[in-house]
Amino acid sequence: MSLDDVRAAIDRIDDQIVALLAQRQEQVRAAAAFKADDAAVRAPDRRAALMARVRERAEVEGADTDVVAATYAAMVDAFIALELGEHRARGNPA
């Protein structure tokens, strides 16, 4: 296996990740309709539970838990920003 082969494999994985992020985005947008205010969008208890869950999954999958946690933290922050925008576009108060 060459470096080009490894990079091609990574590119295929990245394509799958982007497709899954698009699916997650659809659900985030749908969730905005159920939330009354920005605090409900931020949902710190839900975030903490999610972070604990993905750390556990990382361990099961043999992934570095710190890498997974950092990746998810960045992703969740980005999706919270998206959801806040959706929430406000629906005319919900801050």
PDB file of N, CA and C in Angstrom:
ATOM      1  N   MET A   1       0.854  -1.177   0.000  1.00  0.00           N
ATOM      2  CA  MET A   1       0.000   0.000   0.000  1.00  0.00           C
ATOM      3  C   MET A   1       0.900   1.241   0.000  1.00  0.00           C
ATOM      4  N   SER A   2       0.544   2.194  -0.804  1.00  0.00           N
ATOM      5  CA  SER A   2       1.327   3.421  -0.913  1.00  0.00           C
ATOM      6  C   SER A   2       0.625   4.565  -0.181  1.00  0.00           C
ATOM      7  N   LEU A   3       1.319   5.673  -0.063  1.00  0.00           N
ATOM      8  CA  LEU A   3       0.721   6.863   0.528  1.00  0.00           C
ATOM      9  C   LEU A   3      -0.492   7.307  -0.278  1.00  0.00           C
ATOM     10  N   ASP A   4      -0.413   7.215  -1.595  1.00  0.00           N
ATOM     11  CA  ASP A   4      -1.559   7.572  -2.437  1.00  0.00           C
ATOM     12  C   ASP A   4      -2.765   6.677  -2.134  1.00  0.00           C
ATOM     13  N   ASP A   5      -2.513   5.388  -1.899  1.00  0.00           N
ATOM     14  CA  ASP A   5      -3.594   4.462  -1.550  1.00  0.00           C
ATOM     15  C   ASP A   5      -4.231   4.858  -0.219  1.00  0.00           C
ATOM     16  N   VAL A   6      -3.398   5.188   0.741  1.00  0.00           N
ATOM     17  CA  VAL A   6      -3.902   5.601   2.051  1.00  0.00           C
ATOM     18  C   VAL A   6      -4.731   6.879   1.911  1.00  0.00           C
ATOM     19  N   ARG A   7      -4.218   7.830   1.148  1.00  0.00           N
ATOM     20  CA  ARG A   7      -4.951   9.090   0.948  1.00  0.00           C
ATOM     21  C   ARG A   7      -6.275   8.852   0.233  1.00  0.00           C
ATOM     22  N   ALA A   8      -6.299   7.962  -0.722  1.00  0.00           N
ATOM     23  CA  ALA A   8      -7.547   7.638  -1.425  1.00  0.00           C
ATOM     24  C   ALA A   8      -8.552   7.015  -0.464  1.00  0.00           C
ATOM     25  N   ALA A   9      -8.073   6.154   0.432  1.00  0.00           N
ATOM     26  CA  ALA A   9      -8.953   5.549   1.434  1.00  0.00           C
ATOM     27  C   ALA A   9      -9.506   6.618   2.373  1.00  0.00           C
ATOM     28  N   ILE A  10      -8.659   7.547   2.782  1.00  0.00           N
ATOM     29  CA  ILE A  10      -9.104   8.648   3.643  1.00  0.00           C
ATOM     30  C   ILE A  10     -10.146   9.493   2.917  1.00  0.00           C
ATOM     31  N   ASP A  11      -9.921   9.762   1.635  1.00  0.00           N
ATOM     32  CA  ASP A  11     -10.894  10.536   0.853  1.00  0.00           C
ATOM     33  C   ASP A  11     -12.247   9.838   0.802  1.00  0.00           C
ATOM     34  N   ARG A  12     -12.243   8.522   0.649  1.00  0.00           N
ATOM     35  CA  ARG A  12     -13.512   7.772   0.627  1.00  0.00           C
ATOM     36  C   ARG A  12     -14.215   7.856   1.983  1.00  0.00           C
ATOM     37  N   ILE A  13     -13.458   7.764   3.047  1.00  0.00           N
ATOM     38  CA  ILE A  13     -14.024   7.897   4.392  1.00  0.00           C
ATOM     39  C   ILE A  13     -14.576   9.303   4.581  1.00  0.00           C
ATOM     40  N   ASP A  14     -13.839  10.304   4.138  1.00  0.00           N
ATOM     41  CA  ASP A  14     -14.306  11.688   4.253  1.00  0.00           C
ATOM     42  C   ASP A  14     -15.619  11.883   3.498  1.00  0.00           C
ATOM     43  N   ASP A  15     -15.761  11.260   2.332  1.00  0.00           N
ATOM     44  CA  ASP A  15     -17.019  11.348   1.582  1.00  0.00           C
ATOM     45  C   ASP A  15     -18.176  10.796   2.410  1.00  0.00           C
ATOM     46  N   GLN A  16     -17.932   9.696   3.098  1.00  0.00           N
ATOM     47  CA  GLN A  16     -18.971   9.102   3.946  1.00  0.00           C
ATOM     48  C   GLN A  16     -19.296  10.018   5.118  1.00  0.00           C
ATOM     49  N   ILE A  17     -18.272  10.608   5.713  1.00  0.00           N
ATOM     50  CA  ILE A  17     -18.484  11.513   6.848  1.00  0.00           C
ATOM     51  C   ILE A  17     -19.314  12.711   6.419  1.00  0.00           C
ATOM     52  N   VAL A  18     -19.003  13.301   5.267  1.00  0.00           N
ATOM     53  CA  VAL A  18     -19.757  14.463   4.790  1.00  0.00           C
ATOM     54  C   VAL A  18     -21.215  14.075   4.541  1.00  0.00           C
ATOM     55  N   ALA A  19     -21.459  12.911   3.964  1.00  0.00           N
ATOM     56  CA  ALA A  19     -22.834  12.453   3.744  1.00  0.00           C
ATOM     57  C   ALA A  19     -23.567  12.298   5.078  1.00  0.00           C
ATOM     58  N   LEU A  20     -22.901  11.770   6.079  1.00  0.00           N
ATOM     59  CA  LEU A  20     -23.517  11.625   7.400  1.00  0.00           C
ATOM     60  C   LEU A  20     -23.751  12.982   8.057  1.00  0.00           C
ATOM     61  N   LEU A  21     -22.833  13.920   7.859  1.00  0.00           N
ATOM     62  CA  LEU A  21     -23.030  15.273   8.398  1.00  0.00           C
ATOM     63  C   LEU A  21     -24.247  15.931   7.760  1.00  0.00           C
ATOM     64  N   ALA A  22     -24.467  15.696   6.487  1.00  0.00           N
ATOM     65  CA  ALA A  22     -25.656  16.237   5.819  1.00  0.00           C
ATOM     66  C   ALA A  22     -26.925  15.656   6.437  1.00  0.00           C
ATOM     67  N   GLN A  23     -26.902  14.362   6.746  1.00  0.00           N
ATOM     68  CA  GLN A  23     -28.058  13.741   7.406  1.00  0.00           C
ATOM     69  C   GLN A  23     -28.260  14.318   8.803  1.00  0.00           C
ATOM     70  N   ARG A  24     -27.177  14.530   9.520  1.00  0.00           N
ATOM     71  CA  ARG A  24     -27.264  15.102  10.867  1.00  0.00           C
ATOM     72  C   ARG A  24     -27.823  16.518  10.795  1.00  0.00           C
ATOM     73  N   GLN A  25     -27.384  17.264   9.789  1.00  0.00           N
ATOM     74  CA  GLN A  25     -27.872  18.634   9.619  1.00  0.00           C
ATOM     75  C   GLN A  25     -29.389  18.656   9.432  1.00  0.00           C
ATOM     76  N   GLU A  26     -29.920  17.732   8.654  1.00  0.00           N
ATOM     77  CA  GLU A  26     -31.372  17.663   8.471  1.00  0.00           C
ATOM     78  C   GLU A  26     -32.079  17.490   9.808  1.00  0.00           C
ATOM     79  N   GLN A  27     -31.535  16.642  10.662  1.00  0.00           N
ATOM     80  CA  GLN A  27     -32.152  16.383  11.953  1.00  0.00           C
ATOM     81  C   GLN A  27     -32.026  17.584  12.893  1.00  0.00           C
ATOM     82  N   VAL A  28     -30.887  18.258  12.827  1.00  0.00           N
ATOM     83  CA  VAL A  28     -30.684  19.461  13.646  1.00  0.00           C
ATOM     84  C   VAL A  28     -31.710  20.517  13.263  1.00  0.00           C
ATOM     85  N   ARG A  29     -31.905  20.707  11.968  1.00  0.00           N
ATOM     86  CA  ARG A  29     -32.894  21.691  11.512  1.00  0.00           C
ATOM     87  C   ARG A  29     -34.297  21.303  11.967  1.00  0.00           C
ATOM     88  N   ALA A  30     -34.604  20.024  11.908  1.00  0.00           N
ATOM     89  CA  ALA A  30     -35.917  19.561  12.363  1.00  0.00           C
ATOM     90  C   ALA A  30     -36.087  19.777  13.861  1.00  0.00           C
ATOM     91  N   ALA A  31     -35.024  19.569  14.623  1.00  0.00           N
ATOM     92  CA  ALA A  31     -35.083  19.731  16.077  1.00  0.00           C
ATOM     93  C   ALA A  31     -35.367  21.172  16.476  1.00  0.00           C
ATOM     94  N   ALA A  32     -34.916  22.125  15.666  1.00  0.00           N
ATOM     95  CA  ALA A  32     -35.116  23.544  15.995  1.00  0.00           C
ATOM     96  C   ALA A  32     -36.594  23.871  16.186  1.00  0.00           C
ATOM     97  N   ALA A  33     -37.453  23.194  15.472  1.00  0.00           N
ATOM     98  CA  ALA A  33     -38.900  23.461  15.556  1.00  0.00           C
ATOM     99  C   ALA A  33     -39.481  23.106  16.920  1.00  0.00           C
ATOM    100  N   PHE A  34     -38.806  22.262  17.670  1.00  0.00           N
ATOM    101  CA  PHE A  34     -39.330  21.793  18.948  1.00  0.00           C
ATOM    102  C   PHE A  34     -38.802  22.578  20.145  1.00  0.00           C
ATOM    103  N   LYS A  35     -37.955  23.553  19.896  1.00  0.00           N
ATOM    104  CA  LYS A  35     -37.280  24.231  20.998  1.00  0.00           C
ATOM    105  C   LYS A  35     -37.814  25.638  21.176  1.00  0.00           C
ATOM    106  N   ALA A  36     -38.060  25.998  22.430  1.00  0.00           N
ATOM    107  CA  ALA A  36     -38.726  27.261  22.742  1.00  0.00           C
ATOM    108  C   ALA A  36     -37.790  28.465  22.750  1.00  0.00           C
ATOM    109  N   ASP A  37     -36.515  28.247  23.063  1.00  0.00           N
ATOM    110  CA  ASP A  37     -35.595  29.381  23.166  1.00  0.00           C
ATOM    111  C   ASP A  37     -34.159  28.916  22.966  1.00  0.00           C
ATOM    112  N   ASP A  38     -33.233  29.883  22.999  1.00  0.00           N
ATOM    113  CA  ASP A  38     -31.822  29.561  22.761  1.00  0.00           C
ATOM    114  C   ASP A  38     -31.259  28.589  23.794  1.00  0.00           C
ATOM    115  N   ALA A  39     -31.737  28.688  25.023  1.00  0.00           N
ATOM    116  CA  ALA A  39     -31.250  27.769  26.061  1.00  0.00           C
ATOM    117  C   ALA A  39     -31.594  26.327  25.706  1.00  0.00           C
ATOM    118  N   ALA A  40     -32.771  26.126  25.146  1.00  0.00           N
ATOM    119  CA  ALA A  40     -33.165  24.779  24.729  1.00  0.00           C
ATOM    120  C   ALA A  40     -32.312  24.300  23.552  1.00  0.00           C
ATOM    121  N   VAL A  41     -31.908  25.228  22.703  1.00  0.00           N
ATOM    122  CA  VAL A  41     -31.033  24.866  21.580  1.00  0.00           C
ATOM    123  C   VAL A  41     -29.659  24.466  22.107  1.00  0.00           C
ATOM    124  N   ARG A  42     -29.140  25.235  23.029  1.00  0.00           N
ATOM    125  CA  ARG A  42     -27.801  24.949  23.566  1.00  0.00           C
ATOM    126  C   ARG A  42     -27.793  23.655  24.387  1.00  0.00           C
ATOM    127  N   ALA A  43     -28.842  23.380  25.117  1.00  0.00           N
ATOM    128  CA  ALA A  43     -29.065  22.122  25.846  1.00  0.00           C
ATOM    129  C   ALA A  43     -27.790  21.547  26.467  1.00  0.00           C
ATOM    130  N   PRO A  44     -27.219  22.212  27.465  1.00  0.00           N
ATOM    131  CA  PRO A  44     -25.949  21.733  28.029  1.00  0.00           C
ATOM    132  C   PRO A  44     -26.013  20.320  28.606  1.00  0.00           C
ATOM    133  N   ASP A  45     -27.133  19.916  29.154  1.00  0.00           N
ATOM    134  CA  ASP A  45     -27.241  18.547  29.677  1.00  0.00           C
ATOM    135  C   ASP A  45     -27.187  17.526  28.543  1.00  0.00           C
ATOM    136  N   ARG A  46     -27.861  17.827  27.441  1.00  0.00           N
ATOM    137  CA  ARG A  46     -27.836  16.943  26.270  1.00  0.00           C
ATOM    138  C   ARG A  46     -26.420  16.871  25.699  1.00  0.00           C
ATOM    139  N   ARG A  47     -25.759  18.028  25.648  1.00  0.00           N
ATOM    140  CA  ARG A  47     -24.386  18.061  25.127  1.00  0.00           C
ATOM    141  C   ARG A  47     -23.467  17.198  25.992  1.00  0.00           C
ATOM    142  N   ALA A  48     -23.582  17.328  27.302  1.00  0.00           N
ATOM    143  CA  ALA A  48     -22.732  16.539  28.203  1.00  0.00           C
ATOM    144  C   ALA A  48     -22.986  15.046  28.023  1.00  0.00           C
ATOM    145  N   ALA A  49     -24.253  14.669  27.889  1.00  0.00           N
ATOM    146  CA  ALA A  49     -24.587  13.255  27.689  1.00  0.00           C
ATOM    147  C   ALA A  49     -24.039  12.752  26.353  1.00  0.00           C
ATOM    148  N   LEU A  50     -24.149  13.571  25.320  1.00  0.00           N
ATOM    149  CA  LEU A  50     -23.624  13.199  24.009  1.00  0.00           C
ATOM    150  C   LEU A  50     -22.115  13.006  24.070  1.00  0.00           C
ATOM    151  N   MET A  51     -21.427  13.935  24.718  1.00  0.00           N
ATOM    152  CA  MET A  51     -19.973  13.833  24.802  1.00  0.00           C
ATOM    153  C   MET A  51     -19.548  12.576  25.563  1.00  0.00           C
ATOM    154  N   ALA A  52     -20.256  12.249  26.616  1.00  0.00           N
ATOM    155  CA  ALA A  52     -19.947  11.020  27.357  1.00  0.00           C
ATOM    156  C   ALA A  52     -20.194   9.794  26.477  1.00  0.00           C
ATOM    157  N   ARG A  53     -21.290   9.823  25.736  1.00  0.00           N
ATOM    158  CA  ARG A  53     -21.641   8.692  24.873  1.00  0.00           C
ATOM    159  C   ARG A  53     -20.598   8.493  23.772  1.00  0.00           C
ATOM    160  N   VAL A  54     -20.159   9.581  23.137  1.00  0.00           N
ATOM    161  CA  VAL A  54     -19.189   9.406  22.045  1.00  0.00           C
ATOM    162  C   VAL A  54     -17.818   8.990  22.576  1.00  0.00           C
ATOM    163  N   ARG A  55     -17.481   9.405  23.773  1.00  0.00           N
ATOM    164  CA  ARG A  55     -16.230   8.915  24.373  1.00  0.00           C
ATOM    165  C   ARG A  55     -16.301   7.403  24.598  1.00  0.00           C
ATOM    166  N   GLU A  56     -17.451   6.936  25.071  1.00  0.00           N
ATOM    167  CA  GLU A  56     -17.632   5.494  25.265  1.00  0.00           C
ATOM    168  C   GLU A  56     -17.546   4.757  23.938  1.00  0.00           C
ATOM    169  N   ARG A  57     -18.207   5.296  22.907  1.00  0.00           N
ATOM    170  CA  ARG A  57     -18.158   4.673  21.580  1.00  0.00           C
ATOM    171  C   ARG A  57     -16.736   4.655  21.042  1.00  0.00           C
ATOM    172  N   ALA A  58     -15.997   5.732  21.280  1.00  0.00           N
ATOM    173  CA  ALA A  58     -14.612   5.792  20.817  1.00  0.00           C
ATOM    174  C   ALA A  58     -13.806   4.661  21.436  1.00  0.00           C
ATOM    175  N   GLU A  59     -13.999   4.435  22.721  1.00  0.00           N
ATOM    176  CA  GLU A  59     -13.285   3.350  23.392  1.00  0.00           C
ATOM    177  C   GLU A  59     -13.634   2.012  22.765  1.00  0.00           C
ATOM    178  N   VAL A  60     -14.923   1.771  22.543  1.00  0.00           N
ATOM    179  CA  VAL A  60     -15.373   0.508  21.950  1.00  0.00           C
ATOM    180  C   VAL A  60     -14.761   0.315  20.564  1.00  0.00           C
ATOM    181  N   GLU A  61     -14.683   1.397  19.791  1.00  0.00           N
ATOM    182  CA  GLU A  61     -14.173   1.326  18.419  1.00  0.00           C
ATOM    183  C   GLU A  61     -12.653   1.365  18.338  1.00  0.00           C
ATOM    184  N   GLY A  62     -11.992   1.595  19.472  1.00  0.00           N
ATOM    185  CA  GLY A  62     -10.540   1.657  19.472  1.00  0.00           C
ATOM    186  C   GLY A  62      -9.996   2.982  18.977  1.00  0.00           C
ATOM    187  N   ALA A  63     -10.821   4.030  19.026  1.00  0.00           N
ATOM    188  CA  ALA A  63     -10.396   5.361  18.594  1.00  0.00           C
ATOM    189  C   ALA A  63      -9.852   6.131  19.792  1.00  0.00           C
ATOM    190  N   ASP A  64      -9.012   7.083  19.519  1.00  0.00           N
ATOM    191  CA  ASP A  64      -8.482   7.947  20.572  1.00  0.00           C
ATOM    192  C   ASP A  64      -9.630   8.808  21.114  1.00  0.00           C
ATOM    193  N   THR A  65      -9.933   8.665  22.390  1.00  0.00           N
ATOM    194  CA  THR A  65     -11.094   9.366  22.958  1.00  0.00           C
ATOM    195  C   THR A  65     -10.933  10.878  22.928  1.00  0.00           C
ATOM    196  N   ASP A  66      -9.709  11.372  23.076  1.00  0.00           N
ATOM    197  CA  ASP A  66      -9.493  12.822  23.032  1.00  0.00           C
ATOM    198  C   ASP A  66      -9.729  13.381  21.629  1.00  0.00           C
ATOM    199  N   VAL A  67      -9.294  12.640  20.618  1.00  0.00           N
ATOM    200  CA  VAL A  67      -9.521  13.080  19.234  1.00  0.00           C
ATOM    201  C   VAL A  67     -11.021  13.093  18.934  1.00  0.00           C
ATOM    202  N   VAL A  68     -11.704  12.043  19.317  1.00  0.00           N
ATOM    203  CA  VAL A  68     -13.146  11.967  19.072  1.00  0.00           C
ATOM    204  C   VAL A  68     -13.871  13.081  19.823  1.00  0.00           C
ATOM    205  N   ALA A  69     -13.514  13.301  21.079  1.00  0.00           N
ATOM    206  CA  ALA A  69     -14.164  14.345  21.873  1.00  0.00           C
ATOM    207  C   ALA A  69     -13.922  15.733  21.267  1.00  0.00           C
ATOM    208  N   ALA A  70     -12.696  16.000  20.844  1.00  0.00           N
ATOM    209  CA  ALA A  70     -12.388  17.305  20.243  1.00  0.00           C
ATOM    210  C   ALA A  70     -13.143  17.486  18.928  1.00  0.00           C
ATOM    211  N   THR A  71     -13.206  16.425  18.135  1.00  0.00           N
ATOM    212  CA  THR A  71     -13.929  16.486  16.862  1.00  0.00           C
ATOM    213  C   THR A  71     -15.408  16.739  17.106  1.00  0.00           C
ATOM    214  N   TYR A  72     -15.984  16.020  18.048  1.00  0.00           N
ATOM    215  CA  TYR A  72     -17.404  16.197  18.351  1.00  0.00           C
ATOM    216  C   TYR A  72     -17.691  17.563  18.962  1.00  0.00           C
ATOM    217  N   ALA A  73     -16.825  18.052  19.805  1.00  0.00           N
ATOM    218  CA  ALA A  73     -17.034  19.380  20.393  1.00  0.00           C
ATOM    219  C   ALA A  73     -17.115  20.435  19.300  1.00  0.00           C
ATOM    220  N   ALA A  74     -16.203  20.373  18.336  1.00  0.00           N
ATOM    221  CA  ALA A  74     -16.223  21.330  17.228  1.00  0.00           C
ATOM    222  C   ALA A  74     -17.481  21.155  16.385  1.00  0.00           C
ATOM    223  N   MET A  75     -17.849  19.908  16.114  1.00  0.00           N
ATOM    224  CA  MET A  75     -19.038  19.644  15.314  1.00  0.00           C
ATOM    225  C   MET A  75     -20.297  20.130  16.022  1.00  0.00           C
ATOM    226  N   VAL A  76     -20.417  19.811  17.304  1.00  0.00           N
ATOM    227  CA  VAL A  76     -21.600  20.221  18.054  1.00  0.00           C
ATOM    228  C   VAL A  76     -21.696  21.741  18.113  1.00  0.00           C
ATOM    229  N   ASP A  77     -20.586  22.423  18.336  1.00  0.00           N
ATOM    230  CA  ASP A  77     -20.602  23.891  18.340  1.00  0.00           C
ATOM    231  C   ASP A  77     -21.118  24.431  17.010  1.00  0.00           C
ATOM    232  N   ALA A  78     -20.647  23.853  15.914  1.00  0.00           N
ATOM    233  CA  ALA A  78     -21.082  24.302  14.588  1.00  0.00           C
ATOM    234  C   ALA A  78     -22.570  24.029  14.377  1.00  0.00           C
ATOM    235  N   PHE A  79     -23.039  22.871  14.808  1.00  0.00           N
ATOM    236  CA  PHE A  79     -24.450  22.555  14.639  1.00  0.00           C
ATOM    237  C   PHE A  79     -25.331  23.385  15.568  1.00  0.00           C
ATOM    238  N   ILE A  80     -24.850  23.711  16.753  1.00  0.00           N
ATOM    239  CA  ILE A  80     -25.610  24.604  17.635  1.00  0.00           C
ATOM    240  C   ILE A  80     -25.773  25.963  16.962  1.00  0.00           C
ATOM    241  N   ALA A  81     -24.709  26.475  16.374  1.00  0.00           N
ATOM    242  CA  ALA A  81     -24.795  27.754  15.658  1.00  0.00           C
ATOM    243  C   ALA A  81     -25.806  27.660  14.517  1.00  0.00           C
ATOM    244  N   LEU A  82     -25.779  26.578  13.773  1.00  0.00           N
ATOM    245  CA  LEU A  82     -26.739  26.375  12.695  1.00  0.00           C
ATOM    246  C   LEU A  82     -28.158  26.326  13.237  1.00  0.00           C
ATOM    247  N   GLU A  83     -28.348  25.562  14.306  1.00  0.00           N
ATOM    248  CA  GLU A  83     -29.685  25.418  14.883  1.00  0.00           C
ATOM    249  C   GLU A  83     -30.187  26.733  15.458  1.00  0.00           C
ATOM    250  N   LEU A  84     -29.306  27.502  16.075  1.00  0.00           N
ATOM    251  CA  LEU A  84     -29.721  28.816  16.570  1.00  0.00           C
ATOM    252  C   LEU A  84     -30.216  29.684  15.417  1.00  0.00           C
ATOM    253  N   GLY A  85     -29.521  29.641  14.302  1.00  0.00           N
ATOM    254  CA  GLY A  85     -29.970  30.370  13.118  1.00  0.00           C
ATOM    255  C   GLY A  85     -31.317  29.883  12.630  1.00  0.00           C
ATOM    256  N   GLU A  86     -31.523  28.586  12.585  1.00  0.00           N
ATOM    257  CA  GLU A  86     -32.817  28.014  12.190  1.00  0.00           C
ATOM    258  C   GLU A  86     -33.908  28.437  13.164  1.00  0.00           C
ATOM    259  N   HIS A  87     -33.557  28.370  14.426  1.00  0.00           N
ATOM    260  CA  HIS A  87     -34.511  28.698  15.482  1.00  0.00           C
ATOM    261  C   HIS A  87     -34.966  30.141  15.351  1.00  0.00           C
ATOM    262  N   ARG A  88     -34.030  31.029  15.145  1.00  0.00           N
ATOM    263  CA  ARG A  88     -34.349  32.451  15.014  1.00  0.00           C
ATOM    264  C   ARG A  88     -35.095  32.735  13.715  1.00  0.00           C
ATOM    265  N   ALA A  89     -34.748  32.028  12.648  1.00  0.00           N
ATOM    266  CA  ALA A  89     -35.438  32.208  11.363  1.00  0.00           C
ATOM    267  C   ALA A  89     -36.905  31.826  11.475  1.00  0.00           C
ATOM    268  N   ARG A  90     -37.215  30.943  12.400  1.00  0.00           N
ATOM    269  CA  ARG A  90     -38.602  30.543  12.634  1.00  0.00           C
ATOM    270  C   ARG A  90     -39.343  31.546  13.517  1.00  0.00           C
ATOM    271  N   GLY A  91     -38.624  32.605  13.918  1.00  0.00           N
ATOM    272  CA  GLY A  91     -39.258  33.649  14.710  1.00  0.00           C
ATOM    273  C   GLY A  91     -39.304  33.366  16.196  1.00  0.00           C
ATOM    274  N   ASN A  92     -38.513  32.396  16.645  1.00  0.00           N
ATOM    275  CA  ASN A  92     -38.476  32.072  18.067  1.00  0.00           C
ATOM    276  C   ASN A  92     -37.600  33.088  18.809  1.00  0.00           C
ATOM    277  N   PRO A  93     -37.947  33.405  20.058  1.00  0.00           N
ATOM    278  CA  PRO A  93     -37.155  34.373  20.817  1.00  0.00           C
ATOM    279  C   PRO A  93     -35.797  33.826  21.204  1.00  0.00           C
ATOM    280  N   ALA A  94     -34.875  34.733  21.476  1.00  0.00           N
ATOM    281  CA  ALA A  94     -33.515  34.353  21.884  1.00  0.00           C
ATOM    282  C   ALA A  94     -33.480  33.814  23.295  1.00  0.00           C
TER     283      ALA A  94
END
